[in-house]
Amino acid sequence: MDISVVIPLYNEAESLPELHAWIKRVMDEHGYSYEIYFVNDGSTDDSWKVIESLKASHPDIVQGIKFRRNYGKSAALYHGFA
């Protein structure tokens, strides 16, 4: 694995598909092997549903971590990968 992309997020359902597409395009253009971790930090919108959909479409690339409540960006990064 060349690159692991970790994205903490809160209520970003609308922007996730575009972000995923952009990351995929850049990584594929450069020939990197990669994985994307979306860390849902207690979102109240449909962010988790979008993550699950991306994960189902790209199981070899996308992973999701879901927190029950909002802990903040630092905690999302730390607790997702400690």
Protein backbone atom coordinates (compact mmCIF):
# COMPACT_ATOMS: atom_id res chain seq x y z
CA MET A 1 0.00 0.00 0.00
CA ASP A 2 1.50 3.32 -1.08
CA ILE A 3 -0.91 5.77 0.56
CA SER A 4 -3.59 5.71 3.26
CA VAL A 5 -5.92 8.69 3.17
CA VAL A 6 -7.71 9.40 6.46
CA ILE A 7 -10.65 11.81 6.30
CA PRO A 8 -12.40 12.86 9.51
CA LEU A 9 -15.82 14.27 8.67
CA TYR A 10 -18.95 15.69 10.21
CA ASN A 11 -22.14 16.20 8.15
CA GLU A 12 -20.47 15.97 4.74
CA ALA A 13 -22.91 13.66 2.92
CA GLU A 14 -23.21 15.95 -0.10
CA SER A 15 -19.48 16.34 -0.70
CA LEU A 16 -18.31 12.75 -0.09
CA PRO A 17 -18.97 11.30 -3.57
CA GLU A 18 -17.10 14.17 -5.24
CA LEU A 19 -14.22 13.92 -2.75
CA HIS A 20 -13.96 10.17 -3.30
CA ALA A 21 -14.00 10.62 -7.08
CA TRP A 22 -11.27 13.27 -6.90
CA ILE A 23 -9.01 11.13 -4.69
CA LYS A 24 -9.56 8.10 -6.92
CA ARG A 25 -8.79 10.08 -10.07
CA VAL A 26 -5.54 11.53 -8.67
CA MET A 27 -4.33 8.23 -7.22
CA ASP A 28 -5.13 6.30 -10.40
CA GLU A 29 -3.42 8.92 -12.60
CA HIS A 30 -0.21 8.48 -10.59
CA GLY A 31 -0.47 4.71 -10.29
CA TYR A 32 -0.55 4.65 -6.48
CA SER A 33 -2.03 1.80 -4.49
CA TYR A 34 -4.20 3.41 -1.83
CA GLU A 35 -6.97 3.11 0.70
CA ILE A 36 -9.41 5.71 1.97
CA TYR A 37 -10.68 5.77 5.55
CA PHE A 38 -13.72 7.94 6.14
CA VAL A 39 -14.08 8.63 9.88
CA ASN A 40 -17.67 9.69 10.53
CA ASP A 41 -17.46 11.83 13.67
CA GLY A 42 -21.07 11.56 14.83
CA SER A 43 -22.71 13.10 11.77
CA THR A 44 -26.44 13.77 11.95
CA ASP A 45 -26.97 13.80 8.18
CA ASP A 46 -26.69 10.88 5.73
CA SER A 47 -22.89 10.78 5.78
CA TRP A 48 -22.77 7.20 7.06
CA LYS A 49 -25.17 6.00 4.35
CA VAL A 50 -22.96 7.62 1.72
CA ILE A 51 -19.85 6.00 3.24
CA GLU A 52 -21.57 2.61 3.21
CA SER A 53 -22.52 3.11 -0.44
CA LEU A 54 -18.96 4.08 -1.40
CA LYS A 55 -17.65 1.12 0.57
CA ALA A 56 -20.04 -1.26 -1.21
CA SER A 57 -18.98 0.11 -4.61
CA HIS A 58 -15.25 0.09 -3.80
CA PRO A 59 -14.65 -2.52 -1.05
CA ASP A 60 -10.96 -2.82 -1.88
CA ILE A 61 -10.38 0.94 -1.42
CA VAL A 62 -12.94 2.46 0.98
CA GLN A 63 -13.28 1.79 4.70
CA GLY A 64 -15.54 3.52 7.20
CA ILE A 65 -15.33 4.18 10.91
CA LYS A 66 -18.42 5.48 12.71
CA PHE A 67 -18.53 7.31 16.04
CA ARG A 68 -21.86 7.57 17.85
CA ARG A 69 -21.28 11.19 18.78
CA ASN A 70 -19.07 14.08 17.73
CA TYR A 71 -15.65 13.95 19.39
CA GLY A 72 -13.86 16.46 17.15
CA LYS A 73 -11.29 16.13 14.39
CA SER A 74 -8.31 15.31 16.62
CA ALA A 75 -10.16 12.51 18.37
CA ALA A 76 -11.43 11.17 15.05
CA LEU A 77 -7.88 10.92 13.76
CA TYR A 78 -6.45 9.50 16.97
CA HIS A 79 -9.17 7.02 17.95
CA GLY A 80 -9.69 5.83 14.41
CA PHE A 81 -6.11 4.62 14.21
CA ALA A 82 -4.65 4.30 17.69
